[in-house]
Every structure is written in structure tokens, then in C-alpha cells.
């Protein structure tokens, strides 16, 4: 299941990297 793999990957990431990715994602959607 691709979603579970993605969740596992996100769960294993450091929070600061997660935050910067989330911000980039939000910025990308907003533009």
C-alpha cells in the first residue's frame, strides 16, 4: 500500500524536515 509506505516514511523523518516539506507543499499549492 503506497499510502502506508508514505506515512511510514513521514513518521521516520525529523520534524524540521517535515515542516519545510509541508511549507513547500502549501506554497506550491497556493501559487
C-alpha atoms as a PDB file:
ATOM      1  CA  UNK A   1       0.000   0.000   0.000  1.00  0.00           C
ATOM      2  CA  UNK A   2       1.616   3.226  -1.202  1.00  0.00           C
ATOM      3  CA  UNK A   3      -0.127   5.395   1.370  1.00  0.00           C
ATOM      4  CA  UNK A   4       1.097   3.307   4.292  1.00  0.00           C
ATOM      5  CA  UNK A   5       4.625   3.437   2.918  1.00  0.00           C
ATOM      6  CA  UNK A   6       4.362   7.221   2.649  1.00  0.00           C
ATOM      7  CA  UNK A   7       3.046   7.501   6.209  1.00  0.00           C
ATOM      8  CA  UNK A   8       5.874   5.299   7.481  1.00  0.00           C
ATOM      9  CA  UNK A   9       8.358   7.467   5.602  1.00  0.00           C
ATOM     10  CA  UNK A  10       6.871  10.658   7.044  1.00  0.00           C
ATOM     11  CA  UNK A  11       6.847   9.171  10.534  1.00  0.00           C
ATOM     12  CA  UNK A  12      10.552   8.380  10.287  1.00  0.00           C
ATOM     13  CA  UNK A  13      11.530  11.889   9.177  1.00  0.00           C
ATOM     14  CA  UNK A  14      12.853  14.565  11.508  1.00  0.00           C
ATOM     15  CA  UNK A  15      10.232  17.197  12.305  1.00  0.00           C
ATOM     16  CA  UNK A  16      12.146  20.143  10.889  1.00  0.00           C
ATOM     17  CA  UNK A  17      12.437  18.420   7.525  1.00  0.00           C
ATOM     18  CA  UNK A  18       8.748  17.575   7.672  1.00  0.00           C
ATOM     19  CA  UNK A  19       7.896  21.223   8.388  1.00  0.00           C
ATOM     20  CA  UNK A  20       9.939  22.552   5.489  1.00  0.00           C
ATOM     21  CA  UNK A  21       8.381  19.985   3.150  1.00  0.00           C
ATOM     22  CA  UNK A  22       4.897  20.880   4.348  1.00  0.00           C
ATOM     23  CA  UNK A  23       5.574  24.584   3.849  1.00  0.00           C
ATOM     24  CA  UNK A  24       6.907  23.944   0.354  1.00  0.00           C
ATOM     25  CA  UNK A  25       3.854  21.833  -0.418  1.00  0.00           C
ATOM     26  CA  UNK A  26       1.461  24.526   0.826  1.00  0.00           C
ATOM     27  CA  UNK A  27       3.383  27.209  -1.069  1.00  0.00           C
ATOM     28  CA  UNK A  28       3.295  25.095  -4.227  1.00  0.00           C
ATOM     29  CA  UNK A  29      -0.475  24.615  -3.936  1.00  0.00           C
ATOM     30  CA  UNK A  30      -1.035  28.302  -3.254  1.00  0.00           C
ATOM     31  CA  UNK A  31       0.927  29.527  -6.256  1.00  0.00           C
END
